[in-house]
Amino acid sequence: RVPNSTCEKVAQSLDSELGTTAPSLRFSKTCLKNVFSVILLFIYLLLMAVAVFLVYQTISDFREKLKHPVMSVSYKEVSLYDAPGIAFYPGKAQLLSCKHHYYDHIPPLINPGQPGDIECTTQRINYTDPFTNQTMKYALVVQGPRDVKKKELVFLQFYLNGTDQDFSAIDYLLFSSFQEFINSPEKAEFMKDCESSYSGWKFSGGFRTWVKMSLVKTKEEDGSETVEFKQETSVVNYIDQRTKPRSDQLFFVVFEWKDPFIQTVQDIITANPWNMIALLCGIFLALFKAADFAKLSVKWMIKIRKRHLKRSRQVMNHIN
């Protein structure tokens, strides 16, 4: 038979072993939970920093796109153009003939160098040079081709009876609408504005210069629209078969539309404010959620800490 004192000692030893093992297990679990909560807190703080950086980057990109719009090019197909105006500055040269032809066909020349048929709508005008306001300029304005589907072209022949210059050429200017010129009450001012706005070109004597035109419209930021002509020229040597040697010069020029497409150029802003607002709302929502989670995590850690301290005090009281 075991004495009662011995049983009491064994029971006390068992209680002491269980009492020391259980708090250690609870302490290890609490420590792991605290470490895990701290790691999650740092992760969400990192996500918050990334979200703040994304907000800054989004606003910077939006401002950059506002400063640098993207050029947009579109094409509109037409069958008939508004007939352009072709202003020639022939000087001492004379217009011998002017005809409209179709389908890129120009019949053989008859009596080159002699006056022929002028079947084009023309207008002669004098005005002062817009750059000097002193020199008078003489211009011969001719109606250009319209029907691009039928490949309409205008063929003109000029004649210059001798020149004291080393090189002979005739200047010309293209503007967008011959009808606007006809309807303008101040044709001289109209031509001065055209010369100030459009570029001038030349074609040489002794050649047939074939000009293929294309129209480019540019929309400005203030809503206005400017018109510009692009040209592709090809030059063919004229073989003078007249019997007598001559010192005069013959000029041949052809105007035709290159294609039925009007090119429109405008600057567009690719930055969409609604996309930026939606992105910012998502980022701020993530920030609020992360802040709320961090707040709850801190509260939970404080609660776990208080609970652990409470259990430690209870164990100490029990031991005492």
C-alpha atoms as a PDB file:
ATOM      1  CA  ARG A   1       0.000   0.000   0.000  1.00  0.00           C
ATOM      2  CA  VAL A   2       1.383   3.427  -1.079  1.00  0.00           C
ATOM      3  CA  PRO A   3       1.357   6.102   1.594  1.00  0.00           C
ATOM      4  CA  ASN A   4      -0.821   9.159   1.063  1.00  0.00           C
ATOM      5  CA  SER A   5       2.175  11.465   1.192  1.00  0.00           C
ATOM      6  CA  THR A   6       3.747   9.688  -1.777  1.00  0.00           C
ATOM      7  CA  CYS A   7       0.534   9.990  -3.853  1.00  0.00           C
ATOM      8  CA  GLU A   8       0.317  13.670  -3.114  1.00  0.00           C
ATOM      9  CA  LYS A   9       3.917  14.184  -4.285  1.00  0.00           C
ATOM     10  CA  VAL A  10       3.273  12.342  -7.555  1.00  0.00           C
ATOM     11  CA  ALA A  11       0.123  14.361  -8.198  1.00  0.00           C
ATOM     12  CA  GLN A  12       1.948  17.632  -7.543  1.00  0.00           C
ATOM     13  CA  SER A  13       4.752  16.668  -9.911  1.00  0.00           C
ATOM     14  CA  LEU A  14       2.249  15.794 -12.688  1.00  0.00           C
ATOM     15  CA  ASP A  15       0.350  19.045 -12.174  1.00  0.00           C
ATOM     16  CA  SER A  16       3.572  21.022 -12.359  1.00  0.00           C
ATOM     17  CA  GLU A  17       4.616  19.299 -15.636  1.00  0.00           C
ATOM     18  CA  LEU A  18       1.198  19.849 -17.274  1.00  0.00           C
ATOM     19  CA  GLY A  19       1.074  23.411 -16.058  1.00  0.00           C
ATOM     20  CA  THR A  20       4.435  24.254 -17.613  1.00  0.00           C
ATOM     21  CA  THR A  21       3.727  22.423 -20.922  1.00  0.00           C
ATOM     22  CA  ALA A  22       0.320  23.982 -21.693  1.00  0.00           C
ATOM     23  CA  PRO A  23       1.395  27.659 -21.374  1.00  0.00           C
ATOM     24  CA  SER A  24       4.451  27.015 -23.539  1.00  0.00           C
ATOM     25  CA  LEU A  25       2.260  25.581 -26.306  1.00  0.00           C
ATOM     26  CA  ARG A  26      -0.127  28.519 -26.067  1.00  0.00           C
ATOM     27  CA  PHE A  27       2.802  30.948 -26.173  1.00  0.00           C
ATOM     28  CA  SER A  28       4.255  29.358 -29.332  1.00  0.00           C
ATOM     29  CA  LYS A  29       0.895  29.558 -31.153  1.00  0.00           C
ATOM     30  CA  THR A  30       0.399  33.157 -30.129  1.00  0.00           C
ATOM     31  CA  CYS A  31       3.908  34.049 -31.290  1.00  0.00           C
ATOM     32  CA  LEU A  32       3.290  32.468 -34.691  1.00  0.00           C
ATOM     33  CA  LYS A  33       0.037  34.331 -35.057  1.00  0.00           C
ATOM     34  CA  ASN A  34       1.725  37.616 -34.156  1.00  0.00           C
ATOM     35  CA  VAL A  35       4.553  37.027 -36.632  1.00  0.00           C
ATOM     36  CA  PHE A  36       2.076  36.134 -39.353  1.00  0.00           C
ATOM     37  CA  SER A  37       0.028  39.264 -38.610  1.00  0.00           C
ATOM     38  CA  VAL A  38       3.145  41.455 -38.782  1.00  0.00           C
ATOM     39  CA  ILE A  39       4.099  39.920 -42.132  1.00  0.00           C
ATOM     40  CA  LEU A  40       0.590  40.550 -43.488  1.00  0.00           C
ATOM     41  CA  LEU A  41       0.735  44.091 -42.194  1.00  0.00           C
ATOM     42  CA  PHE A  42       4.017  44.753 -44.011  1.00  0.00           C
ATOM     43  CA  ILE A  43       2.601  43.204 -47.179  1.00  0.00           C
ATOM     44  CA  TYR A  44      -0.408  45.493 -47.112  1.00  0.00           C
ATOM     45  CA  LEU A  45       1.782  48.488 -46.372  1.00  0.00           C
ATOM     46  CA  LEU A  46       3.829  47.543 -49.442  1.00  0.00           C
ATOM     47  CA  LEU A  47       0.624  47.292 -51.498  1.00  0.00           C
ATOM     48  CA  MET A  48      -0.432  50.701 -50.241  1.00  0.00           C
ATOM     49  CA  ALA A  49       2.907  52.154 -51.358  1.00  0.00           C
ATOM     50  CA  VAL A  50       2.463  50.561 -54.793  1.00  0.00           C
ATOM     51  CA  ALA A  51      -1.062  51.996 -55.016  1.00  0.00           C
ATOM     52  CA  VAL A  52       0.209  55.487 -54.162  1.00  0.00           C
ATOM     53  CA  PHE A  53       2.888  55.151 -56.840  1.00  0.00           C
ATOM     54  CA  LEU A  54       0.244  54.054 -59.368  1.00  0.00           C
ATOM     55  CA  VAL A  55      -1.862  57.112 -58.538  1.00  0.00           C
ATOM     56  CA  TYR A  56       1.122  59.394 -59.117  1.00  0.00           C
ATOM     57  CA  GLN A  57       2.068  57.595 -62.340  1.00  0.00           C
ATOM     58  CA  THR A  58      -1.505  57.703 -63.674  1.00  0.00           C
ATOM     59  CA  ILE A  59      -1.826  61.429 -63.084  1.00  0.00           C
ATOM     60  CA  SER A  60       1.614  62.059 -64.641  1.00  0.00           C
ATOM     61  CA  ASP A  61       0.737  60.008 -67.740  1.00  0.00           C
ATOM     62  CA  PHE A  62      -2.572  61.844 -68.103  1.00  0.00           C
ATOM     63  CA  ARG A  63      -0.863  65.236 -67.954  1.00  0.00           C
ATOM     64  CA  GLU A  64       1.790  64.063 -70.436  1.00  0.00           C
ATOM     65  CA  LYS A  65      -0.858  62.897 -72.912  1.00  0.00           C
ATOM     66  CA  LEU A  66      -2.644  66.217 -72.604  1.00  0.00           C
ATOM     67  CA  LYS A  67       0.584  68.026 -73.510  1.00  0.00           C
ATOM     68  CA  HIS A  68       1.445  65.719 -76.427  1.00  0.00           C
ATOM     69  CA  PRO A  69      -1.615  64.764 -78.512  1.00  0.00           C
ATOM     70  CA  VAL A  70      -1.345  62.021 -81.125  1.00  0.00           C
ATOM     71  CA  MET A  71      -1.703  62.746 -84.824  1.00  0.00           C
ATOM     72  CA  SER A  72      -4.698  61.004 -86.395  1.00  0.00           C
ATOM     73  CA  VAL A  73      -4.951  60.537 -90.179  1.00  0.00           C
ATOM     74  CA  SER A  74      -8.207  59.590 -91.904  1.00  0.00           C
ATOM     75  CA  TYR A  75      -9.197  59.314 -95.572  1.00  0.00           C
ATOM     76  CA  LYS A  76     -12.463  60.260 -97.234  1.00  0.00           C
ATOM     77  CA  GLU A  77     -13.256  58.969-100.716  1.00  0.00           C
ATOM     78  CA  VAL A  78     -14.909  61.346-103.184  1.00  0.00           C
ATOM     79  CA  SER A  79     -15.962  61.052-106.810  1.00  0.00           C
ATOM     80  CA  LEU A  80     -15.891  64.791-107.522  1.00  0.00           C
ATOM     81  CA  TYR A  81     -13.528  67.347-106.055  1.00  0.00           C
ATOM     82  CA  ASP A  82     -14.280  70.996-105.653  1.00  0.00           C
ATOM     83  CA  ALA A  83     -12.406  72.369-108.661  1.00  0.00           C
ATOM     84  CA  PRO A  84      -9.163  73.934-107.415  1.00  0.00           C
ATOM     85  CA  GLY A  85      -7.830  77.225-108.654  1.00  0.00           C
ATOM     86  CA  ILE A  86      -4.507  77.287-110.487  1.00  0.00           C
ATOM     87  CA  ALA A  87      -2.901  80.729-110.530  1.00  0.00           C
ATOM     88  CA  PHE A  88      -0.133  81.116-113.116  1.00  0.00           C
ATOM     89  CA  TYR A  89       2.389  83.953-113.102  1.00  0.00           C
ATOM     90  CA  PRO A  90       3.527  83.761-116.733  1.00  0.00           C
ATOM     91  CA  GLY A  91       5.401  87.067-116.940  1.00  0.00           C
ATOM     92  CA  LYS A  92       6.030  87.627-120.645  1.00  0.00           C
ATOM     93  CA  ALA A  93       4.784  84.152-121.607  1.00  0.00           C
ATOM     94  CA  GLN A  94       1.429  83.731-123.345  1.00  0.00           C
ATOM     95  CA  LEU A  95      -1.212  81.038-122.905  1.00  0.00           C
ATOM     96  CA  LEU A  96      -1.645  79.291-126.247  1.00  0.00           C
ATOM     97  CA  SER A  97      -4.125  76.547-125.387  1.00  0.00           C
ATOM     98  CA  CYS A  98      -5.970  74.989-122.470  1.00  0.00           C
ATOM     99  CA  LYS A  99      -8.149  71.887-122.674  1.00  0.00           C
ATOM    100  CA  HIS A 100      -9.781  69.307-120.411  1.00  0.00           C
ATOM    101  CA  HIS A 101      -9.119  65.664-121.255  1.00  0.00           C
ATOM    102  CA  TYR A 102     -10.163  62.396-119.630  1.00  0.00           C
ATOM    103  CA  TYR A 103      -8.731  58.980-118.840  1.00  0.00           C
ATOM    104  CA  ASP A 104      -5.110  60.162-118.985  1.00  0.00           C
ATOM    105  CA  HIS A 105      -5.301  60.597-122.744  1.00  0.00           C
ATOM    106  CA  ILE A 106      -3.732  63.650-124.390  1.00  0.00           C
ATOM    107  CA  PRO A 107      -4.051  63.747-128.190  1.00  0.00           C
ATOM    108  CA  PRO A 108      -0.998  64.639-130.301  1.00  0.00           C
ATOM    109  CA  LEU A 109      -0.104  68.304-130.560  1.00  0.00           C
ATOM    110  CA  ILE A 110      -1.361  70.209-133.586  1.00  0.00           C
ATOM    111  CA  ASN A 111       0.710  73.217-134.613  1.00  0.00           C
ATOM    112  CA  PRO A 112       2.725  73.540-131.395  1.00  0.00           C
ATOM    113  CA  GLY A 113       3.729  77.088-130.695  1.00  0.00           C
ATOM    114  CA  GLN A 114       0.619  78.451-132.419  1.00  0.00           C
ATOM    115  CA  PRO A 115      -2.491  79.751-130.619  1.00  0.00           C
ATOM    116  CA  GLY A 116      -5.071  77.036-130.090  1.00  0.00           C
ATOM    117  CA  ASP A 117      -8.384  76.524-128.332  1.00  0.00           C
ATOM    118  CA  ILE A 118      -8.814  77.769-124.794  1.00  0.00           C
ATOM    119  CA  GLU A 119     -11.620  75.630-123.405  1.00  0.00           C
ATOM    120  CA  CYS A 120     -10.912  76.317-119.734  1.00  0.00           C
ATOM    121  CA  THR A 121     -12.522  78.852-117.452  1.00  0.00           C
ATOM    122  CA  THR A 122      -9.915  81.541-116.850  1.00  0.00           C
ATOM    123  CA  GLN A 123      -9.721  84.842-115.003  1.00  0.00           C
ATOM    124  CA  ARG A 124      -6.999  87.486-115.212  1.00  0.00           C
ATOM    125  CA  ILE A 125      -6.233  89.629-112.195  1.00  0.00           C
ATOM    126  CA  ASN A 126      -3.680  92.159-110.988  1.00  0.00           C
ATOM    127  CA  TYR A 127      -2.840  92.716-107.336  1.00  0.00           C
ATOM    128  CA  THR A 128      -0.003  93.993-105.184  1.00  0.00           C
ATOM    129  CA  ASP A 129       2.584  91.630-103.761  1.00  0.00           C
ATOM    130  CA  PRO A 130       1.454  90.682-100.195  1.00  0.00           C
ATOM    131  CA  PHE A 131       5.055  90.609 -98.970  1.00  0.00           C
ATOM    132  CA  THR A 132       6.285  93.960-100.325  1.00  0.00           C
ATOM    133  CA  ASN A 133       3.001  95.870-100.927  1.00  0.00           C
ATOM    134  CA  GLN A 134       4.778  97.703-103.742  1.00  0.00           C
ATOM    135  CA  THR A 135       5.239  95.330-106.692  1.00  0.00           C
ATOM    136  CA  MET A 136       2.235  94.657-108.914  1.00  0.00           C
ATOM    137  CA  LYS A 137       1.690  91.030-109.877  1.00  0.00           C
ATOM    138  CA  TYR A 138      -0.230  89.642-112.827  1.00  0.00           C
ATOM    139  CA  ALA A 139      -1.925  86.278-112.414  1.00  0.00           C
ATOM    140  CA  LEU A 140      -3.862  84.046-114.774  1.00  0.00           C
ATOM    141  CA  VAL A 141      -6.278  81.922-112.740  1.00  0.00           C
ATOM    142  CA  VAL A 142      -7.519  78.689-114.346  1.00  0.00           C
ATOM    143  CA  GLN A 143     -10.170  76.283-113.133  1.00  0.00           C
ATOM    144  CA  GLY A 144      -8.635  72.897-112.299  1.00  0.00           C
ATOM    145  CA  PRO A 145      -9.975  69.355-112.818  1.00  0.00           C
ATOM    146  CA  ARG A 146     -12.902  67.916-110.804  1.00  0.00           C
ATOM    147  CA  ASP A 147     -13.885  64.426-111.940  1.00  0.00           C
ATOM    148  CA  VAL A 148     -11.369  62.054-110.376  1.00  0.00           C
ATOM    149  CA  LYS A 149     -13.273  58.907-111.388  1.00  0.00           C
ATOM    150  CA  LYS A 150     -12.921  59.748-115.070  1.00  0.00           C
ATOM    151  CA  LYS A 151      -9.303  60.873-114.522  1.00  0.00           C
ATOM    152  CA  GLU A 152     -10.019  64.382-115.714  1.00  0.00           C
ATOM    153  CA  LEU A 153      -6.943  66.473-116.458  1.00  0.00           C
ATOM    154  CA  VAL A 154      -6.159  69.993-117.628  1.00  0.00           C
ATOM    155  CA  PHE A 155      -3.493  70.426-120.315  1.00  0.00           C
ATOM    156  CA  LEU A 156      -2.014  73.884-120.878  1.00  0.00           C
ATOM    157  CA  GLN A 157       0.537  75.217-123.353  1.00  0.00           C
ATOM    158  CA  PHE A 158       2.469  78.464-122.911  1.00  0.00           C
ATOM    159  CA  TYR A 159       4.719  80.317-125.306  1.00  0.00           C
ATOM    160  CA  LEU A 160       7.641  82.633-124.523  1.00  0.00           C
ATOM    161  CA  ASN A 161       9.234  84.540-127.418  1.00  0.00           C
ATOM    162  CA  GLY A 162      12.835  84.772-126.294  1.00  0.00           C
ATOM    163  CA  THR A 163      14.241  85.576-122.875  1.00  0.00           C
ATOM    164  CA  ASP A 164      17.343  87.235-121.500  1.00  0.00           C
ATOM    165  CA  GLN A 165      17.497  84.826-118.567  1.00  0.00           C
ATOM    166  CA  ASP A 166      19.660  81.734-118.280  1.00  0.00           C
ATOM    167  CA  PHE A 167      16.739  79.567-117.160  1.00  0.00           C
ATOM    168  CA  SER A 168      13.097  79.838-118.102  1.00  0.00           C
ATOM    169  CA  ALA A 169      10.257  78.787-115.824  1.00  0.00           C
ATOM    170  CA  ILE A 170       6.704  79.785-114.971  1.00  0.00           C
ATOM    171  CA  ASP A 171       5.498  80.087-111.398  1.00  0.00           C
ATOM    172  CA  TYR A 172       2.124  78.735-110.338  1.00  0.00           C
ATOM    173  CA  LEU A 173       0.047  78.492-107.188  1.00  0.00           C
ATOM    174  CA  LEU A 174      -2.692  76.053-106.185  1.00  0.00           C
ATOM    175  CA  PHE A 175      -5.581  77.005-103.934  1.00  0.00           C
ATOM    176  CA  SER A 176      -8.524  74.950-102.733  1.00  0.00           C
ATOM    177  CA  SER A 177     -11.577  76.361-104.542  1.00  0.00           C
ATOM    178  CA  PHE A 178     -11.901  78.175-107.870  1.00  0.00           C
ATOM    179  CA  GLN A 179     -15.574  78.870-107.138  1.00  0.00           C
ATOM    180  CA  GLU A 180     -14.697  80.751-103.952  1.00  0.00           C
ATOM    181  CA  PHE A 181     -12.383  82.917-106.014  1.00  0.00           C
ATOM    182  CA  ILE A 182     -15.143  83.643-108.552  1.00  0.00           C
ATOM    183  CA  ASN A 183     -17.672  84.458-105.816  1.00  0.00           C
ATOM    184  CA  SER A 184     -15.268  86.663-103.879  1.00  0.00           C
ATOM    185  CA  PRO A 185     -16.094  90.379-104.194  1.00  0.00           C
ATOM    186  CA  GLU A 186     -12.457  91.285-103.440  1.00  0.00           C
ATOM    187  CA  LYS A 187     -10.503  89.046-105.768  1.00  0.00           C
ATOM    188  CA  ALA A 188      -7.256  90.947-105.272  1.00  0.00           C
ATOM    189  CA  GLU A 189      -7.415  90.465-101.495  1.00  0.00           C
ATOM    190  CA  PHE A 190      -8.393  86.835-102.049  1.00  0.00           C
ATOM    191  CA  MET A 191      -5.275  86.228-104.155  1.00  0.00           C
ATOM    192  CA  LYS A 192      -3.072  88.012-101.615  1.00  0.00           C
ATOM    193  CA  ASP A 193      -4.409  85.735 -98.873  1.00  0.00           C
ATOM    194  CA  CYS A 194      -3.837  82.666-101.053  1.00  0.00           C
ATOM    195  CA  GLU A 195      -0.261  83.671-101.827  1.00  0.00           C
ATOM    196  CA  SER A 196       0.373  84.194 -98.114  1.00  0.00           C
ATOM    197  CA  SER A 197      -1.136  80.793 -97.182  1.00  0.00           C
ATOM    198  CA  TYR A 198      -0.086  78.431 -99.989  1.00  0.00           C
ATOM    199  CA  SER A 199       3.272  77.437-101.403  1.00  0.00           C
ATOM    200  CA  GLY A 200       4.332  78.227-104.944  1.00  0.00           C
ATOM    201  CA  TRP A 201       5.952  75.943-107.541  1.00  0.00           C
ATOM    202  CA  LYS A 202       7.565  76.196-110.971  1.00  0.00           C
ATOM    203  CA  PHE A 203       7.612  74.260-114.226  1.00  0.00           C
ATOM    204  CA  SER A 204      10.342  74.638-116.831  1.00  0.00           C
ATOM    205  CA  GLY A 205      10.255  75.337-120.532  1.00  0.00           C
ATOM    206  CA  GLY A 206      11.033  72.634-123.084  1.00  0.00           C
ATOM    207  CA  PHE A 207       9.369  69.937-120.973  1.00  0.00           C
ATOM    208  CA  ARG A 208       5.949  68.515-120.311  1.00  0.00           C
ATOM    209  CA  THR A 209       5.435  68.641-116.549  1.00  0.00           C
ATOM    210  CA  TRP A 210       2.731  66.296-115.256  1.00  0.00           C
ATOM    211  CA  VAL A 211       1.442  67.328-111.819  1.00  0.00           C
ATOM    212  CA  LYS A 212      -0.629  64.869-109.772  1.00  0.00           C
ATOM    213  CA  MET A 213      -2.347  66.581-106.870  1.00  0.00           C
ATOM    214  CA  SER A 214      -3.621  65.292-103.553  1.00  0.00           C
ATOM    215  CA  LEU A 215      -5.537  67.244-100.943  1.00  0.00           C
ATOM    216  CA  VAL A 216      -4.668  67.334 -97.232  1.00  0.00           C
ATOM    217  CA  LYS A 217      -6.945  69.008 -94.693  1.00  0.00           C
ATOM    218  CA  THR A 218      -5.594  69.788 -91.241  1.00  0.00           C
ATOM    219  CA  LYS A 219      -7.873  70.540 -88.296  1.00  0.00           C
ATOM    220  CA  GLU A 220      -6.356  72.949 -85.815  1.00  0.00           C
ATOM    221  CA  GLU A 221      -6.926  73.041 -82.055  1.00  0.00           C
ATOM    222  CA  ASP A 222      -9.225  76.067 -82.324  1.00  0.00           C
ATOM    223  CA  GLY A 223     -11.529  74.190 -84.732  1.00  0.00           C
ATOM    224  CA  SER A 224     -10.337  75.914 -87.902  1.00  0.00           C
ATOM    225  CA  GLU A 225      -9.314  73.929 -90.959  1.00  0.00           C
ATOM    226  CA  THR A 226      -6.388  74.511 -93.293  1.00  0.00           C
ATOM    227  CA  VAL A 227      -5.953  73.016 -96.760  1.00  0.00           C
ATOM    228  CA  GLU A 228      -2.670  71.956 -98.287  1.00  0.00           C
ATOM    229  CA  PHE A 229      -1.804  70.465-101.663  1.00  0.00           C
ATOM    230  CA  LYS A 230       0.719  67.701-102.098  1.00  0.00           C
ATOM    231  CA  GLN A 231       2.167  67.128-105.533  1.00  0.00           C
ATOM    232  CA  GLU A 232       3.936  64.417-107.448  1.00  0.00           C
ATOM    233  CA  THR A 233       5.524  65.653-110.649  1.00  0.00           C
ATOM    234  CA  SER A 234       7.010  63.845-113.599  1.00  0.00           C
ATOM    235  CA  VAL A 235       8.926  65.652-116.336  1.00  0.00           C
ATOM    236  CA  VAL A 236       9.207  64.539-119.963  1.00  0.00           C
ATOM    237  CA  ASN A 237      11.456  66.237-122.502  1.00  0.00           C
ATOM    238  CA  TYR A 238       9.652  67.923-125.411  1.00  0.00           C
ATOM    239  CA  ILE A 239      11.069  67.074-128.832  1.00  0.00           C
ATOM    240  CA  ASP A 240      10.716  70.206-130.941  1.00  0.00           C
ATOM    241  CA  GLN A 241       9.998  69.059-134.506  1.00  0.00           C
ATOM    242  CA  ARG A 242       9.460  72.497-135.974  1.00  0.00           C
ATOM    243  CA  THR A 243      11.549  72.998-139.100  1.00  0.00           C
ATOM    244  CA  LYS A 244      13.076  76.425-138.520  1.00  0.00           C
ATOM    245  CA  PRO A 245      15.447  76.926-135.587  1.00  0.00           C
ATOM    246  CA  ARG A 246      13.794  79.114-132.969  1.00  0.00           C
ATOM    247  CA  SER A 247      14.858  80.938-129.848  1.00  0.00           C
ATOM    248  CA  ASP A 248      11.410  80.805-128.244  1.00  0.00           C
ATOM    249  CA  GLN A 249      10.348  78.444-125.462  1.00  0.00           C
ATOM    250  CA  LEU A 250       7.306  76.208-125.191  1.00  0.00           C
ATOM    251  CA  PHE A 251       5.900  75.222-121.793  1.00  0.00           C
ATOM    252  CA  PHE A 252       3.599  72.260-121.304  1.00  0.00           C
ATOM    253  CA  VAL A 253       1.924  71.387-118.011  1.00  0.00           C
ATOM    254  CA  VAL A 254      -0.740  68.862-116.991  1.00  0.00           C
ATOM    255  CA  PHE A 255      -2.793  68.905-113.774  1.00  0.00           C
ATOM    256  CA  GLU A 256      -4.609  65.821-112.536  1.00  0.00           C
ATOM    257  CA  TRP A 257      -5.852  64.406-109.233  1.00  0.00           C
ATOM    258  CA  LYS A 258      -3.717  61.589-107.925  1.00  0.00           C
ATOM    259  CA  ASP A 259      -6.487  59.596-106.195  1.00  0.00           C
ATOM    260  CA  PRO A 260     -10.071  60.050-104.911  1.00  0.00           C
ATOM    261  CA  PHE A 261      -9.038  60.279-101.232  1.00  0.00           C
ATOM    262  CA  ILE A 262      -8.991  63.461 -99.192  1.00  0.00           C
ATOM    263  CA  GLN A 263      -6.581  63.123 -96.298  1.00  0.00           C
ATOM    264  CA  THR A 264      -7.670  64.658 -92.993  1.00  0.00           C
ATOM    265  CA  VAL A 265      -5.086  65.220 -90.278  1.00  0.00           C
ATOM    266  CA  GLN A 266      -5.972  66.184 -86.727  1.00  0.00           C
ATOM    267  CA  ASP A 267      -4.438  65.959 -83.284  1.00  0.00           C
ATOM    268  CA  ILE A 268      -6.363  63.814 -80.814  1.00  0.00           C
ATOM    269  CA  ILE A 269      -5.847  63.412 -77.087  1.00  0.00           C
ATOM    270  CA  THR A 270      -5.584  59.734 -76.212  1.00  0.00           C
ATOM    271  CA  ALA A 271      -5.946  60.384 -72.486  1.00  0.00           C
ATOM    272  CA  ASN A 272      -9.474  59.440 -71.439  1.00  0.00           C
ATOM    273  CA  PRO A 273     -10.507  61.184 -68.203  1.00  0.00           C
ATOM    274  CA  TRP A 274     -13.149  58.545 -67.456  1.00  0.00           C
ATOM    275  CA  ASN A 275     -10.587  55.748 -67.590  1.00  0.00           C
ATOM    276  CA  MET A 276      -8.329  57.707 -65.270  1.00  0.00           C
ATOM    277  CA  ILE A 277     -11.203  58.378 -62.841  1.00  0.00           C
ATOM    278  CA  ALA A 278     -12.159  54.692 -62.808  1.00  0.00           C
ATOM    279  CA  LEU A 279      -8.557  53.657 -62.202  1.00  0.00           C
ATOM    280  CA  LEU A 280      -8.147  56.190 -59.408  1.00  0.00           C
ATOM    281  CA  CYS A 281     -11.385  55.026 -57.778  1.00  0.00           C
ATOM    282  CA  GLY A 282     -10.133  51.431 -57.843  1.00  0.00           C
ATOM    283  CA  ILE A 283      -6.782  52.459 -56.392  1.00  0.00           C
ATOM    284  CA  PHE A 284      -8.366  54.536 -53.610  1.00  0.00           C
ATOM    285  CA  LEU A 285     -10.761  51.697 -52.822  1.00  0.00           C
ATOM    286  CA  ALA A 286      -7.788  49.343 -52.504  1.00  0.00           C
ATOM    287  CA  LEU A 287      -6.060  51.894 -50.269  1.00  0.00           C
ATOM    288  CA  PHE A 288      -9.083  52.145 -47.977  1.00  0.00           C
ATOM    289  CA  LYS A 289      -9.404  48.368 -47.829  1.00  0.00           C
ATOM    290  CA  ALA A 290      -5.713  47.996 -47.045  1.00  0.00           C
ATOM    291  CA  ALA A 291      -5.914  50.676 -44.354  1.00  0.00           C
ATOM    292  CA  ASP A 292      -8.985  49.002 -42.855  1.00  0.00           C
ATOM    293  CA  PHE A 293      -7.244  45.623 -42.849  1.00  0.00           C
ATOM    294  CA  ALA A 294      -4.138  47.122 -41.252  1.00  0.00           C
ATOM    295  CA  LYS A 295      -6.302  48.735 -38.586  1.00  0.00           C
ATOM    296  CA  LEU A 296      -8.077  45.445 -37.859  1.00  0.00           C
ATOM    297  CA  SER A 297      -4.744  43.594 -37.795  1.00  0.00           C
ATOM    298  CA  VAL A 298      -3.320  46.008 -35.220  1.00  0.00           C
ATOM    299  CA  LYS A 299      -6.456  45.697 -33.091  1.00  0.00           C
ATOM    300  CA  TRP A 300      -6.286  41.902 -33.315  1.00  0.00           C
ATOM    301  CA  MET A 301      -2.618  41.906 -32.329  1.00  0.00           C
ATOM    302  CA  ILE A 302      -3.372  44.159 -29.338  1.00  0.00           C
ATOM    303  CA  LYS A 303      -6.253  41.900 -28.374  1.00  0.00           C
ATOM    304  CA  ILE A 304      -4.072  38.784 -28.613  1.00  0.00           C
ATOM    305  CA  ARG A 305      -1.387  40.514 -26.563  1.00  0.00           C
ATOM    306  CA  LYS A 306      -3.882  41.429 -23.839  1.00  0.00           C
ATOM    307  CA  ARG A 307      -5.287  37.910 -23.807  1.00  0.00           C
ATOM    308  CA  HIS A 308      -1.806  36.464 -23.494  1.00  0.00           C
ATOM    309  CA  LEU A 309      -0.980  38.779 -20.609  1.00  0.00           C
ATOM    310  CA  LYS A 310      -4.267  37.901 -18.932  1.00  0.00           C
ATOM    311  CA  ARG A 311      -3.556  34.167 -19.204  1.00  0.00           C
ATOM    312  CA  SER A 312      -0.049  34.709 -17.892  1.00  0.00           C
ATOM    313  CA  ARG A 313      -1.432  36.510 -14.861  1.00  0.00           C
ATOM    314  CA  GLN A 314      -3.982  33.741 -14.306  1.00  0.00           C
ATOM    315  CA  VAL A 315      -1.226  31.107 -14.435  1.00  0.00           C
ATOM    316  CA  MET A 316       0.878  33.068 -12.023  1.00  0.00           C
ATOM    317  CA  ASN A 317      -2.060  33.483  -9.670  1.00  0.00           C
ATOM    318  CA  HIS A 318      -2.790  29.753  -9.908  1.00  0.00           C
ATOM    319  CA  ILE A 319       0.821  28.938  -9.166  1.00  0.00           C
ATOM    320  CA  ASN A 320       0.814  31.314  -6.227  1.00  0.00           C
END
